[in-house]
Amino acid sequence: MSINDSKTTLYLSPTVRRALKKRVIDANQTMSEYVNRAVAYAIAEDLEDIEAIAERRGEPTETLDEFLMALQKDGTIQS
């Protein structure tokens, strides 16, 4: 823990807390280290998704019905 870390209270279900305790023992980490890493990873994944959406913003779109009809037309699926 660094001097700039702040304290946060998390409310976890008993099942999740038990699983977390087992996991941090296996990983030889503290709960804070493990949760901090997991949250950072989740945020990084979200940022990748946001970037991908922004890159594809100008691409043409089609409805689900149009997509399914195209799959039926080329024989990929049957109705």
C-alpha atoms as a PDB file:
ATOM      1  CA  MET A   1       0.000   0.000   0.000  1.00  0.00           C
ATOM      2  CA  SER A   2       1.347   3.433  -0.897  1.00  0.00           C
ATOM      3  CA  ILE A   3       0.922   6.711   0.948  1.00  0.00           C
ATOM      4  CA  ASN A   4      -1.503   7.919  -1.765  1.00  0.00           C
ATOM      5  CA  ASP A   5      -3.883   4.963  -1.432  1.00  0.00           C
ATOM      6  CA  SER A   6      -7.277   5.711   0.039  1.00  0.00           C
ATOM      7  CA  LYS A   7      -9.481   3.503   2.147  1.00  0.00           C
ATOM      8  CA  THR A   8     -12.717   2.221   0.613  1.00  0.00           C
ATOM      9  CA  THR A   9     -15.384   0.016   2.100  1.00  0.00           C
ATOM     10  CA  LEU A  10     -16.758  -2.735  -0.118  1.00  0.00           C
ATOM     11  CA  TYR A  11     -19.761  -4.849   0.729  1.00  0.00           C
ATOM     12  CA  LEU A  12     -19.317  -8.369  -0.619  1.00  0.00           C
ATOM     13  CA  SER A  13     -21.629 -11.318  -0.361  1.00  0.00           C
ATOM     14  CA  PRO A  14     -20.343 -14.012   1.999  1.00  0.00           C
ATOM     15  CA  THR A  15     -19.756 -16.347  -0.960  1.00  0.00           C
ATOM     16  CA  VAL A  16     -17.708 -13.800  -2.891  1.00  0.00           C
ATOM     17  CA  ARG A  17     -15.727 -12.889   0.229  1.00  0.00           C
ATOM     18  CA  ARG A  18     -14.878 -16.550   0.891  1.00  0.00           C
ATOM     19  CA  ALA A  19     -13.816 -17.051  -2.724  1.00  0.00           C
ATOM     20  CA  LEU A  20     -11.719 -13.879  -2.596  1.00  0.00           C
ATOM     21  CA  LYS A  21      -9.995 -14.998   0.604  1.00  0.00           C
ATOM     22  CA  LYS A  22      -9.116 -18.345  -0.975  1.00  0.00           C
ATOM     23  CA  ARG A  23      -7.914 -16.689  -4.167  1.00  0.00           C
ATOM     24  CA  VAL A  24      -5.618 -14.183  -2.458  1.00  0.00           C
ATOM     25  CA  ILE A  25      -4.045 -16.951  -0.405  1.00  0.00           C
ATOM     26  CA  ASP A  26      -3.321 -18.900  -3.596  1.00  0.00           C
ATOM     27  CA  ALA A  27      -2.013 -15.761  -5.316  1.00  0.00           C
ATOM     28  CA  ASN A  28       0.025 -14.694  -2.256  1.00  0.00           C
ATOM     29  CA  GLN A  29      -1.536 -11.224  -2.373  1.00  0.00           C
ATOM     30  CA  THR A  30      -3.557  -9.079  -0.025  1.00  0.00           C
ATOM     31  CA  MET A  31      -7.251  -8.559  -0.711  1.00  0.00           C
ATOM     32  CA  SER A  32      -6.478  -4.922  -1.519  1.00  0.00           C
ATOM     33  CA  GLU A  33      -3.825  -5.867  -4.068  1.00  0.00           C
ATOM     34  CA  TYR A  34      -6.054  -8.454  -5.710  1.00  0.00           C
ATOM     35  CA  VAL A  35      -9.159  -6.243  -5.881  1.00  0.00           C
ATOM     36  CA  ASN A  36      -7.125  -3.251  -7.068  1.00  0.00           C
ATOM     37  CA  ARG A  37      -5.639  -5.325  -9.895  1.00  0.00           C
ATOM     38  CA  ALA A  38      -9.043  -6.790 -10.839  1.00  0.00           C
ATOM     39  CA  VAL A  39     -10.717  -3.373 -10.961  1.00  0.00           C
ATOM     40  CA  ALA A  40      -7.856  -1.895 -12.999  1.00  0.00           C
ATOM     41  CA  TYR A  41      -8.132  -4.811 -15.452  1.00  0.00           C
ATOM     42  CA  ALA A  42     -11.906  -4.324 -15.792  1.00  0.00           C
ATOM     43  CA  ILE A  43     -11.468  -0.600 -16.436  1.00  0.00           C
ATOM     44  CA  ALA A  44      -8.783  -1.282 -19.058  1.00  0.00           C
ATOM     45  CA  GLU A  45     -11.140  -3.708 -20.818  1.00  0.00           C
ATOM     46  CA  ASP A  46     -13.880  -1.061 -20.819  1.00  0.00           C
ATOM     47  CA  LEU A  47     -11.492   1.477 -22.341  1.00  0.00           C
ATOM     48  CA  GLU A  48     -10.557  -0.989 -25.102  1.00  0.00           C
ATOM     49  CA  ASP A  49     -14.254  -1.482 -25.866  1.00  0.00           C
ATOM     50  CA  ILE A  50     -14.858   2.281 -25.959  1.00  0.00           C
ATOM     51  CA  GLU A  51     -11.912   2.749 -28.332  1.00  0.00           C
ATOM     52  CA  ALA A  52     -13.190  -0.027 -30.624  1.00  0.00           C
ATOM     53  CA  ILE A  53     -16.647   1.544 -30.705  1.00  0.00           C
ATOM     54  CA  ALA A  54     -15.169   4.937 -31.557  1.00  0.00           C
ATOM     55  CA  GLU A  55     -13.071   3.442 -34.378  1.00  0.00           C
ATOM     56  CA  ARG A  56     -16.097   1.690 -35.888  1.00  0.00           C
ATOM     57  CA  ARG A  57     -18.537   4.575 -35.459  1.00  0.00           C
ATOM     58  CA  GLY A  58     -18.654   5.432 -39.178  1.00  0.00           C
ATOM     59  CA  GLU A  59     -19.154   1.873 -40.394  1.00  0.00           C
ATOM     60  CA  PRO A  60     -22.474   0.923 -41.966  1.00  0.00           C
ATOM     61  CA  THR A  61     -24.920  -0.921 -39.743  1.00  0.00           C
ATOM     62  CA  GLU A  62     -27.646  -3.461 -40.362  1.00  0.00           C
ATOM     63  CA  THR A  63     -30.547  -4.667 -38.285  1.00  0.00           C
ATOM     64  CA  LEU A  64     -30.612  -8.126 -36.789  1.00  0.00           C
ATOM     65  CA  ASP A  65     -33.379  -9.088 -39.212  1.00  0.00           C
ATOM     66  CA  GLU A  66     -31.264  -7.962 -42.184  1.00  0.00           C
ATOM     67  CA  PHE A  67     -28.302  -9.927 -40.873  1.00  0.00           C
ATOM     68  CA  LEU A  68     -30.370 -13.084 -40.342  1.00  0.00           C
ATOM     69  CA  MET A  69     -31.930 -12.799 -43.803  1.00  0.00           C
ATOM     70  CA  ALA A  70     -28.457 -12.528 -45.358  1.00  0.00           C
ATOM     71  CA  LEU A  71     -27.370 -15.673 -43.487  1.00  0.00           C
ATOM     72  CA  GLN A  72     -30.447 -17.500 -44.719  1.00  0.00           C
ATOM     73  CA  LYS A  73     -29.927 -16.277 -48.272  1.00  0.00           C
ATOM     74  CA  ASP A  74     -26.336 -17.569 -48.432  1.00  0.00           C
ATOM     75  CA  GLY A  75     -27.301 -20.865 -46.799  1.00  0.00           C
ATOM     76  CA  THR A  76     -25.412 -20.374 -43.537  1.00  0.00           C
ATOM     77  CA  ILE A  77     -28.615 -20.914 -41.557  1.00  0.00           C
ATOM     78  CA  GLN A  78     -31.989 -22.334 -42.414  1.00  0.00           C
ATOM     79  CA  SER A  79     -35.336 -20.998 -41.284  1.00  0.00           C
END
